[in-house]
Structures are given as C-alpha cells and as structure tokens.
Amino acid sequence: MNREEKQYSQWTAMLAISRASFRSITRSPSAVIFTIAFPLVFIIAFGFINPGRIKLEVGLHPGSDTSSAIYRSFILTPNVKLVKDQGLGLLESGLNKGRLDALLFIHPPDSTRVAGRVVEVITSKSSREKGRFVESILTNIIDKGNLAFLKARIHSEKYLEHEGGLTEFRETEIAGREYKMIDFILPGQLGFSILSAGVFGTAFVFFSLRQTLVLKRFFATPVKRSFIILGEALSRLVFQVIGAIIIILIGKFAFGFTLIHGVVTVLNMLILSAIGLIVFMGFGFVVSGIAKNESVIPPIANIVTLPQFLLSGTFFPVDVFPDWLQSISRALPLTYLNDALRQVAFEGAGLTDVLTPLLFILGWGVVVYALAVRFFRWE
C-alpha cells in the first residue's frame, strides 16, 4: 500500500459525496415540493376543516350491568365498538389520551333511588365531538325506555321491575387533551413526505447516477461502494430532518399541533422519521434496480407508495375502512410509522412505548433490503 492510499480517507470521500448530493437535492424542485411544499398544502387545507367522525370507541366500566336492556340496545348500535375486559385505570388512561371516545357505566338497579337505574357517561376534551355522539345515542335509548315504562305504568299499572324502573342519565366531562384535526393530519403528512423522499428520491437518483455513468466514474476512485451509498443516504437524511422540523414548527405555531413534551417530543419524532426514511430508501433501491428506463420509475414507485398513502392513515383514520381493508392497512409499514408519530406527539409516548410499531417497521426494512441486495445494480 503506497503513501497516497494510506492518506486516502473513505469518510472524507463520503462527506464530499454527501455535500454534493445535498446541493443537488436543494436545487431539485420536485424534492422541495414532495418533502416540504406538498405536505404543507395538505396541512393548511385540512387544518381548517373539522369533518364529522364515524367510528366510536366506548369503554365499558368493569362494574356495569350487562343484563340491562340499555346495554343490549347500545351494543347493537352501528359503528360503535365497545371496549370490555379492561381495568378501570386503563380505560381512564385511554379516555384521557383520546384512544376512547367515552366511558360508559351502567349502574346496577337500586330500588332505593327515585330512578331505578343510573347510566353515566364520562367524556373528555380529547374526543369531545365523538363523546357527544355517544351521549346522543344513549339519550335516545334511555328516553325510549323511560317512555315505554311510563306508558306501561299508565295503561296497565306494571312497573317493569325487571328493568329497574326509570333510568337517570348523567354526563361528565374530564379535562383530557384536546385532540385537534392537526394532531391527526400533521403526522400523516410527515409520513407522506418520508415515504416520497425514500422511494422516489432514491430511485431517481441512483438510476440517474447509473445511467450517466457517474457510479462507474466513482469506481475509478478509491472510495468504496458502501461509502457511496452512505454519502447519498446522509444527504437525504439531513434534508428530510430539516423538512420535518419545518413541518412540525409550522404545525405547532400556526395550528397548535400538540407536542406533549416539547423539544423531547420533537427529537423522538425526528428519530422515528430517520428510521422510516432509511427503511423506505430500501424500496427506492429496489425500484431503481428493477426499472429498465427512467419512464418506468414513476409507475413502479406508485405501486409501492400509492396504497400506503391511501390506506395507512395518512389522510383518513384506518378505522373508517371495512374490516377486510383494515387488515391490509395493518400490514403496511407507513401505517405503523404514522401511528408511532401520533402516539409520540399527542400521547407523549417515548421510543420504548412505540417499540411494537418500530419492530414492525424494522422487520419491513430487513425484507426490503434483502430484495435490494438481490435487484440493485451498479452498472
């Protein structure tokens, strides 16, 4: 090994490649549009919209009377999912964090009360709108039951003791965390940006480098192939982190995006974004290897990205889909990245709290990089 080879630094070469690539990204209109501008358009558009919700998740108090007609009527209500078999502490935590829309407590009948039965609904600011839907459903059920009881009493003097007589409805609201539309939209748009940059950016860049023989020229230098990839990845990672910071700050100060632990929450979101980008770049390597020419890249990349944009909770909650479609949604890596980002931002979860979605994302990374090794071509 001669003196020049000893002095040659792979890390210096990698940083040089990274700087050149970063300048190239910042000068690319499509990179800026997909990473920053396009997600911001959706954030602004959805930030002022507060559409009605469909699915309702209601926790059932462990002490509730499940033999009552009120319970039987409520569980038959369309689009209502009753969460049972959980402790009161978990139910209250879910209500506070917005995972549950209401907590239902059907008290057992008591002959010492004027109203034989009490039905209590606890809602929170985290899901105030859905909580009102739950209250409206129960009010309707209770009013019908009370009216039937009174009619029976008037006409036949039967008090319907088996149903406990009249039912009293009580409503309580706890403070909770107010869940705004931006708290759903922004993490989804951040995931959209990461997936776009990882797949489209990587596929186009490496295909172009191969077609223009830039990679071949790299081979004439002492720089190793792994450092070429690391240099490109580093530049894309830095650019994406800057884009994520811009998106989060605009969401926070313009629309009140919730960041429970402030700077710590932002750092956790950036770590998740970096992991997501690295995994999604693997898809880009596969696409660039499969594509025979540049015009084929968009269709192949859209096959990877479009289902995830539509089904992974980017624009709409996953639970609005039919059950069979939700199963597909739950198999997509972007679904888990979006969920993890929302848990970290709104619920204050740490990285260890989102370990399950992280492992799922990393599992996808193992699979996709195995495919990348198989299909990626240098020449």
Protein backbone atom coordinates (compact mmCIF):
# COMPACT_ATOMS: atom_id res chain seq x y z
CA MET A 1 0.00 0.00 0.00
CA ASN A 2 1.60 3.31 -1.07
CA ARG A 3 1.53 6.57 0.80
CA GLU A 4 -1.37 8.06 -1.21
CA GLU A 5 -3.60 5.09 -0.44
CA LYS A 6 -2.76 5.37 3.26
CA GLN A 7 -3.72 9.05 3.27
CA TYR A 8 -6.98 8.47 1.41
CA SER A 9 -9.97 8.77 3.78
CA GLN A 10 -13.17 6.95 2.98
CA TRP A 11 -15.06 9.15 5.44
CA THR A 12 -13.82 12.34 3.77
CA ALA A 13 -14.90 10.97 0.41
CA MET A 14 -18.29 10.04 1.82
CA LEU A 15 -18.81 13.56 3.24
CA ALA A 16 -17.81 15.09 -0.10
CA ILE A 17 -20.37 12.91 -1.90
CA SER A 18 -22.93 13.82 0.74
CA ARG A 19 -22.34 17.58 0.34
CA ALA A 20 -22.61 17.38 -3.44
CA SER A 21 -25.76 15.29 -3.21
CA PHE A 22 -27.31 17.69 -0.68
CA ARG A 23 -26.72 20.64 -3.01
CA SER A 24 -28.31 18.64 -5.81
CA ILE A 25 -31.39 17.90 -3.66
CA THR A 26 -31.87 21.53 -2.65
CA ARG A 27 -31.75 22.57 -6.30
CA SER A 28 -34.36 19.98 -7.28
CA PRO A 29 -37.87 21.48 -7.40
CA SER A 30 -39.50 18.04 -7.10
CA ALA A 31 -37.54 17.24 -3.92
CA VAL A 32 -38.60 20.51 -2.27
CA ILE A 33 -42.22 20.07 -3.41
CA PHE A 34 -42.60 16.46 -2.18
CA THR A 35 -40.66 16.97 1.06
CA ILE A 36 -41.96 20.35 2.23
CA ALA A 37 -44.42 22.13 -0.06
CA PHE A 38 -46.84 19.29 -0.82
CA PRO A 39 -47.30 18.16 2.83
CA LEU A 40 -47.75 21.79 3.89
CA VAL A 41 -50.53 22.24 1.32
CA PHE A 42 -52.42 19.34 2.90
CA ILE A 43 -51.73 20.62 6.42
CA ILE A 44 -53.11 24.04 5.53
CA ALA A 45 -56.08 22.56 3.67
CA PHE A 46 -57.05 20.13 6.44
CA GLY A 47 -56.03 22.44 9.27
CA PHE A 48 -59.19 24.49 8.84
CA ILE A 49 -61.51 21.50 8.34
CA ASN A 50 -63.13 19.54 11.13
CA PRO A 51 -65.28 16.86 9.46
CA GLY A 52 -67.63 14.55 11.29
CA ARG A 53 -66.30 11.27 12.61
CA ILE A 54 -67.82 7.86 12.05
CA LYS A 55 -66.40 5.17 14.32
CA LEU A 56 -67.00 5.35 18.07
CA GLU A 57 -64.90 3.51 20.66
CA VAL A 58 -66.53 3.34 24.08
CA GLY A 59 -65.02 1.79 27.18
CA LEU A 60 -67.33 -0.22 29.44
CA HIS A 61 -66.87 0.30 33.16
CA PRO A 62 -65.99 -3.06 34.81
CA GLY A 63 -68.92 -2.69 37.23
CA SER A 64 -71.55 -2.16 34.55
CA ASP A 65 -74.76 -4.19 34.47
CA THR A 66 -74.62 -6.06 31.15
CA SER A 67 -78.02 -7.69 31.67
CA SER A 68 -79.93 -4.45 31.13
CA ALA A 69 -81.95 -3.56 28.03
CA ILE A 70 -79.85 -0.38 27.72
CA TYR A 71 -76.68 -2.43 27.30
CA ARG A 72 -78.32 -4.74 24.78
CA SER A 73 -79.57 -1.78 22.73
CA PHE A 74 -76.27 0.07 22.86
CA ILE A 75 -74.12 -2.84 21.60
CA LEU A 76 -76.42 -3.14 18.57
CA THR A 77 -75.75 0.46 17.55
CA PRO A 78 -73.91 0.63 14.18
CA ASN A 79 -70.31 1.92 14.15
CA VAL A 80 -69.92 1.54 17.92
CA LYS A 81 -67.08 -0.58 19.27
CA LEU A 82 -67.41 -1.45 22.95
CA VAL A 83 -64.08 -2.00 24.73
CA LYS A 84 -64.59 -4.52 27.52
CA ASP A 85 -62.43 -6.65 29.81
CA GLN A 86 -60.05 -3.81 30.71
CA GLY A 87 -59.31 -2.41 34.12
CA LEU A 88 -60.70 0.97 35.10
CA GLY A 89 -57.21 2.51 35.15
CA LEU A 90 -56.52 1.52 31.52
CA LEU A 91 -59.94 2.76 30.43
CA GLU A 92 -59.45 6.14 32.11
CA SER A 93 -55.98 6.46 30.59
CA GLY A 94 -57.37 5.66 27.13
CA LEU A 95 -60.11 8.27 27.60
CA ASN A 96 -57.60 10.90 28.69
CA LYS A 97 -55.33 10.23 25.69
CA GLY A 98 -58.13 10.16 23.13
CA ARG A 99 -57.97 6.44 22.41
CA LEU A 100 -61.52 6.09 23.76
CA ASP A 101 -64.37 8.44 22.90
CA ALA A 102 -66.31 7.85 26.12
CA LEU A 103 -66.51 5.68 29.22
CA LEU A 104 -69.91 4.07 29.90
CA PHE A 105 -71.04 2.99 33.37
CA ILE A 106 -74.45 1.28 33.59
CA HIS A 107 -75.11 1.19 37.33
CA PRO A 108 -76.97 -1.87 38.67
CA PRO A 109 -80.63 -1.17 39.57
CA ASP A 110 -81.30 0.22 43.04
CA SER A 111 -84.82 0.26 44.47
CA THR A 112 -83.90 2.99 46.98
CA ARG A 113 -83.50 5.58 44.19
CA VAL A 114 -86.31 7.50 42.53
CA ALA A 115 -84.79 6.37 39.25
CA GLY A 116 -84.30 2.63 39.44
CA ARG A 117 -81.19 2.77 37.24
CA VAL A 118 -78.42 5.30 36.57
CA VAL A 119 -76.44 5.41 33.34
CA GLU A 120 -73.29 7.52 33.47
CA VAL A 121 -71.18 8.62 30.50
CA ILE A 122 -67.74 10.19 31.00
CA THR A 123 -66.24 12.05 28.05
CA SER A 124 -63.11 14.14 27.59
CA LYS A 125 -61.85 17.06 25.54
CA SER A 126 -59.63 14.60 23.67
CA SER A 127 -62.66 13.38 21.78
CA ARG A 128 -65.39 15.86 22.60
CA GLU A 129 -67.21 15.59 19.27
CA LYS A 130 -67.40 11.80 19.36
CA GLY A 131 -68.33 11.94 23.03
CA ARG A 132 -71.39 13.98 22.12
CA PHE A 133 -72.40 11.34 19.59
CA VAL A 134 -72.21 8.72 22.34
CA GLU A 135 -74.31 10.90 24.64
CA SER A 136 -76.87 11.42 21.88
CA ILE A 137 -77.14 7.65 21.22
CA LEU A 138 -77.63 6.85 24.90
CA THR A 139 -80.10 9.69 25.42
CA ASN A 140 -82.20 8.29 22.62
CA ILE A 141 -82.09 4.73 24.05
CA ILE A 142 -82.91 5.91 27.60
CA ASP A 143 -85.73 8.21 26.50
CA LYS A 144 -87.37 5.34 24.60
CA GLY A 145 -87.04 3.06 27.64
CA ASN A 146 -88.43 5.66 30.04
CA LEU A 147 -91.32 6.43 27.71
CA ALA A 148 -92.16 2.71 27.41
CA PHE A 149 -92.03 2.39 31.20
CA LEU A 150 -94.38 5.33 31.75
CA LYS A 151 -96.85 4.12 29.13
CA ALA A 152 -96.91 0.68 30.75
CA ARG A 153 -97.46 2.24 34.15
CA ILE A 154 -100.33 4.39 32.94
CA HIS A 155 -102.13 1.71 30.99
CA SER A 156 -101.52 -1.45 32.95
CA GLU A 157 -100.00 -0.37 36.26
CA LYS A 158 -96.99 -2.60 35.58
CA TYR A 159 -93.81 -1.09 36.91
CA LEU A 160 -91.41 -3.23 34.89
CA GLU A 161 -89.38 -4.03 37.98
CA HIS A 162 -87.19 -6.37 35.91
CA GLU A 163 -85.81 -3.30 34.13
CA GLY A 164 -85.40 -1.31 37.33
CA GLY A 165 -87.95 1.39 36.57
CA LEU A 166 -86.98 4.81 35.22
CA THR A 167 -83.40 5.48 34.13
CA GLU A 168 -81.43 8.61 35.02
CA PHE A 169 -78.75 9.78 32.60
CA ARG A 170 -75.64 11.54 33.93
CA GLU A 171 -72.96 13.21 31.82
CA THR A 172 -69.46 14.10 32.99
CA GLU A 173 -66.56 15.62 31.08
CA ILE A 174 -62.95 15.41 32.20
CA ALA A 175 -60.24 17.77 31.00
CA GLY A 176 -58.15 15.34 28.94
CA ARG A 177 -56.11 16.62 26.00
CA GLU A 178 -57.96 18.37 23.26
CA TYR A 179 -57.47 16.39 20.06
CA LYS A 180 -57.43 18.74 17.08
CA MET A 181 -57.58 17.90 13.40
CA ILE A 182 -53.95 19.00 13.00
CA ASP A 183 -52.91 16.31 15.55
CA PHE A 184 -54.09 13.69 13.07
CA ILE A 185 -53.13 15.38 9.80
CA LEU A 186 -49.55 16.51 10.52
CA PRO A 187 -48.01 13.10 11.43
CA GLY A 188 -49.70 11.62 8.35
CA GLN A 189 -48.24 14.30 6.10
CA LEU A 190 -44.84 13.83 7.70
CA GLY A 191 -45.08 10.12 6.90
CA PHE A 192 -46.16 11.03 3.36
CA SER A 193 -43.06 13.20 2.98
CA ILE A 194 -40.73 10.49 4.32
CA LEU A 195 -42.14 7.77 2.06
CA SER A 196 -41.99 10.03 -1.02
CA ALA A 197 -38.39 11.05 -0.34
CA GLY A 198 -37.29 7.49 0.44
CA VAL A 199 -38.85 5.83 -2.61
CA PHE A 200 -38.96 8.43 -5.39
CA GLY A 201 -35.81 10.32 -4.37
CA THR A 202 -33.63 7.24 -4.02
CA ALA A 203 -34.96 5.52 -7.14
CA PHE A 204 -34.43 8.51 -9.44
CA VAL A 205 -31.03 9.46 -8.00
CA PHE A 206 -29.39 6.04 -8.26
CA PHE A 207 -30.93 5.28 -11.64
CA SER A 208 -29.62 8.62 -12.93
CA LEU A 209 -26.16 8.02 -11.43
CA ARG A 210 -26.04 4.66 -13.14
CA GLN A 211 -27.31 5.92 -16.50
CA THR A 212 -24.96 8.91 -16.60
CA LEU A 213 -22.02 6.65 -15.66
CA VAL A 214 -21.31 8.66 -12.52
CA LEU A 215 -21.23 5.45 -10.49
CA LYS A 216 -18.78 3.99 -12.97
CA ARG A 217 -16.51 7.02 -12.51
CA PHE A 218 -16.73 6.53 -8.73
CA PHE A 219 -15.28 3.07 -9.25
CA ALA A 220 -12.15 4.65 -10.69
CA THR A 221 -11.54 6.28 -7.30
CA PRO A 222 -10.55 4.52 -4.07
CA VAL A 223 -13.96 5.24 -2.49
CA LYS A 224 -15.83 2.07 -1.53
CA ARG A 225 -19.35 1.31 -2.69
CA SER A 226 -20.75 1.26 0.83
CA PHE A 227 -19.49 4.82 1.40
CA ILE A 228 -21.14 5.98 -1.83
CA ILE A 229 -24.48 4.76 -0.50
CA LEU A 230 -23.81 6.20 2.95
CA GLY A 231 -22.99 9.60 1.42
CA GLU A 232 -26.23 9.69 -0.55
CA ALA A 233 -28.21 8.45 2.44
CA LEU A 234 -26.70 11.06 4.75
CA SER A 235 -27.57 13.93 2.42
CA ARG A 236 -31.15 12.69 2.08
CA LEU A 237 -31.39 12.20 5.84
CA VAL A 238 -30.20 15.73 6.61
CA PHE A 239 -32.58 17.23 4.06
CA GLN A 240 -35.51 15.20 5.39
CA VAL A 241 -34.80 16.17 9.01
CA ILE A 242 -34.76 19.85 8.01
CA GLY A 243 -38.06 19.35 6.18
CA ALA A 244 -39.57 17.55 9.20
CA ILE A 245 -38.52 20.37 11.54
CA ILE A 246 -40.14 22.94 9.25
CA ILE A 247 -43.38 20.93 9.05
CA ILE A 248 -43.54 20.38 12.83
CA LEU A 249 -42.81 24.03 13.67
CA ILE A 250 -45.42 25.36 11.25
CA GLY A 251 -47.94 22.87 12.61
CA LYS A 252 -47.14 23.90 16.19
CA PHE A 253 -47.17 27.68 15.86
CA ALA A 254 -49.73 28.11 13.07
CA PHE A 255 -52.26 25.42 14.03
CA GLY A 256 -51.47 24.44 17.62
CA PHE A 257 -50.09 20.97 16.89
CA THR A 258 -49.73 19.08 20.18
CA LEU A 259 -46.19 18.37 21.37
CA ILE A 260 -46.64 16.92 24.85
CA HIS A 261 -43.00 17.07 25.98
CA GLY A 262 -41.84 19.91 23.75
CA VAL A 263 -38.29 19.50 22.43
CA VAL A 264 -38.07 15.89 23.63
CA THR A 265 -41.16 15.04 21.60
CA VAL A 266 -39.70 16.74 18.52
CA LEU A 267 -36.44 14.77 18.90
CA ASN A 268 -38.36 11.49 19.19
CA MET A 269 -40.37 12.36 16.07
CA LEU A 270 -37.14 13.12 14.19
CA ILE A 271 -35.63 9.78 15.25
CA LEU A 272 -38.75 7.97 14.01
CA SER A 273 -38.58 9.97 10.78
CA ALA A 274 -34.93 8.98 10.27
CA ILE A 275 -35.69 5.29 10.86
CA GLY A 276 -38.65 5.48 8.48
CA LEU A 277 -36.56 7.17 5.78
CA ILE A 278 -33.79 4.56 6.00
CA VAL A 279 -36.33 1.74 5.63
CA PHE A 280 -38.19 3.44 2.78
CA MET A 281 -34.94 4.08 0.93
CA GLY A 282 -34.72 0.31 0.59
CA PHE A 283 -37.85 0.44 -1.57
CA GLY A 284 -36.13 3.09 -3.68
CA PHE A 285 -33.09 0.84 -4.22
CA VAL A 286 -35.38 -1.99 -5.36
CA VAL A 287 -37.28 0.30 -7.77
CA SER A 288 -34.07 1.72 -9.28
CA GLY A 289 -32.76 -1.81 -9.79
CA ILE A 290 -35.93 -3.12 -11.43
CA ALA A 291 -36.54 -0.11 -13.71
CA LYS A 292 -35.22 -0.54 -17.24
CA ASN A 293 -35.57 3.16 -18.08
CA GLU A 294 -36.44 6.40 -16.30
CA SER A 295 -40.05 6.49 -17.52
CA VAL A 296 -40.77 3.19 -15.75
CA ILE A 297 -39.76 4.51 -12.32
CA PRO A 298 -42.95 6.52 -11.53
CA PRO A 299 -45.38 3.63 -12.20
CA ILE A 300 -43.34 1.14 -10.17
CA ALA A 301 -42.79 3.64 -7.35
CA ASN A 302 -46.52 4.46 -7.29
CA ILE A 303 -47.32 0.77 -6.86
CA VAL A 304 -45.26 0.95 -3.65
CA THR A 305 -46.39 4.35 -2.40
CA LEU A 306 -49.98 4.93 -3.51
CA PRO A 307 -51.61 2.11 -1.47
CA GLN A 308 -49.74 3.34 1.58
CA PHE A 309 -50.75 6.97 1.01
CA LEU A 310 -54.42 5.96 0.83
CA LEU A 311 -54.63 3.09 3.34
CA SER A 312 -52.07 3.90 6.06
CA GLY A 313 -53.93 6.61 7.95
CA THR A 314 -52.26 9.43 6.05
CA PHE A 315 -55.45 11.29 5.12
CA PHE A 316 -58.18 9.27 6.86
CA PRO A 317 -58.28 7.13 10.03
CA VAL A 318 -57.74 3.46 9.28
CA ASP A 319 -60.87 2.50 11.24
CA VAL A 320 -63.18 4.13 8.67
CA PHE A 321 -62.36 1.29 6.26
CA PRO A 322 -64.14 -2.10 6.18
CA ASP A 323 -62.58 -4.78 8.36
CA TRP A 324 -61.01 -6.62 5.40
CA LEU A 325 -59.37 -3.42 4.20
CA GLN A 326 -58.15 -2.59 7.71
CA SER A 327 -56.29 -5.92 7.68
CA ILE A 328 -54.40 -4.76 4.59
CA SER A 329 -53.74 -1.37 6.17
CA ARG A 330 -52.26 -3.05 9.24
CA ALA A 331 -49.74 -4.85 7.05
CA LEU A 332 -48.23 -1.65 5.60
CA PRO A 333 -45.12 -0.06 7.18
CA LEU A 334 -46.38 3.53 6.77
CA THR A 335 -49.38 2.69 8.98
CA TYR A 336 -47.05 1.88 11.85
CA LEU A 337 -44.87 4.93 11.27
CA ASN A 338 -47.94 7.22 11.27
CA ASP A 339 -49.30 5.58 14.43
CA ALA A 340 -45.96 5.87 16.20
CA LEU A 341 -45.61 9.55 15.28
CA ARG A 342 -49.12 10.29 16.59
CA GLN A 343 -48.52 8.41 19.84
CA VAL A 344 -45.27 10.27 20.45
CA ALA A 345 -46.72 13.70 19.62
CA PHE A 346 -50.17 13.54 21.24
CA GLU A 347 -49.90 10.86 23.90
CA GLY A 348 -46.36 11.71 24.98
CA ALA A 349 -45.09 8.19 24.30
CA GLY A 350 -41.36 7.53 24.34
CA LEU A 351 -39.49 5.38 21.85
CA THR A 352 -39.77 2.36 24.14
CA ASP A 353 -43.56 2.84 24.23
CA VAL A 354 -43.75 2.51 20.44
CA LEU A 355 -41.43 -0.49 20.30
CA THR A 356 -44.02 -2.73 18.61
CA PRO A 357 -44.57 -0.46 15.58
CA LEU A 358 -40.81 0.19 15.45
CA LEU A 359 -40.06 -3.54 15.28
CA PHE A 360 -42.65 -3.94 12.54
CA ILE A 361 -41.05 -1.13 10.52
CA LEU A 362 -37.58 -2.61 11.04
CA GLY A 363 -38.92 -6.02 10.01
CA TRP A 364 -40.04 -4.47 6.73
CA GLY A 365 -36.55 -2.97 6.47
CA VAL A 366 -34.92 -6.40 6.70
CA VAL A 367 -37.20 -7.75 3.96
CA VAL A 368 -36.85 -4.81 1.59
CA TYR A 369 -33.05 -4.56 1.93
CA ALA A 370 -32.78 -8.28 1.22
CA LEU A 371 -34.68 -7.55 -2.00
CA ALA A 372 -32.46 -4.53 -2.66
CA VAL A 373 -29.34 -6.70 -2.49
CA ARG A 374 -30.97 -9.03 -4.99
CA PHE A 375 -32.17 -6.42 -7.53
CA PHE A 376 -29.92 -3.34 -7.14
CA ARG A 377 -27.44 -2.86 -9.97
CA TRP A 378 -24.32 -0.67 -10.03
CA GLU A 379 -23.92 -0.68 -13.78
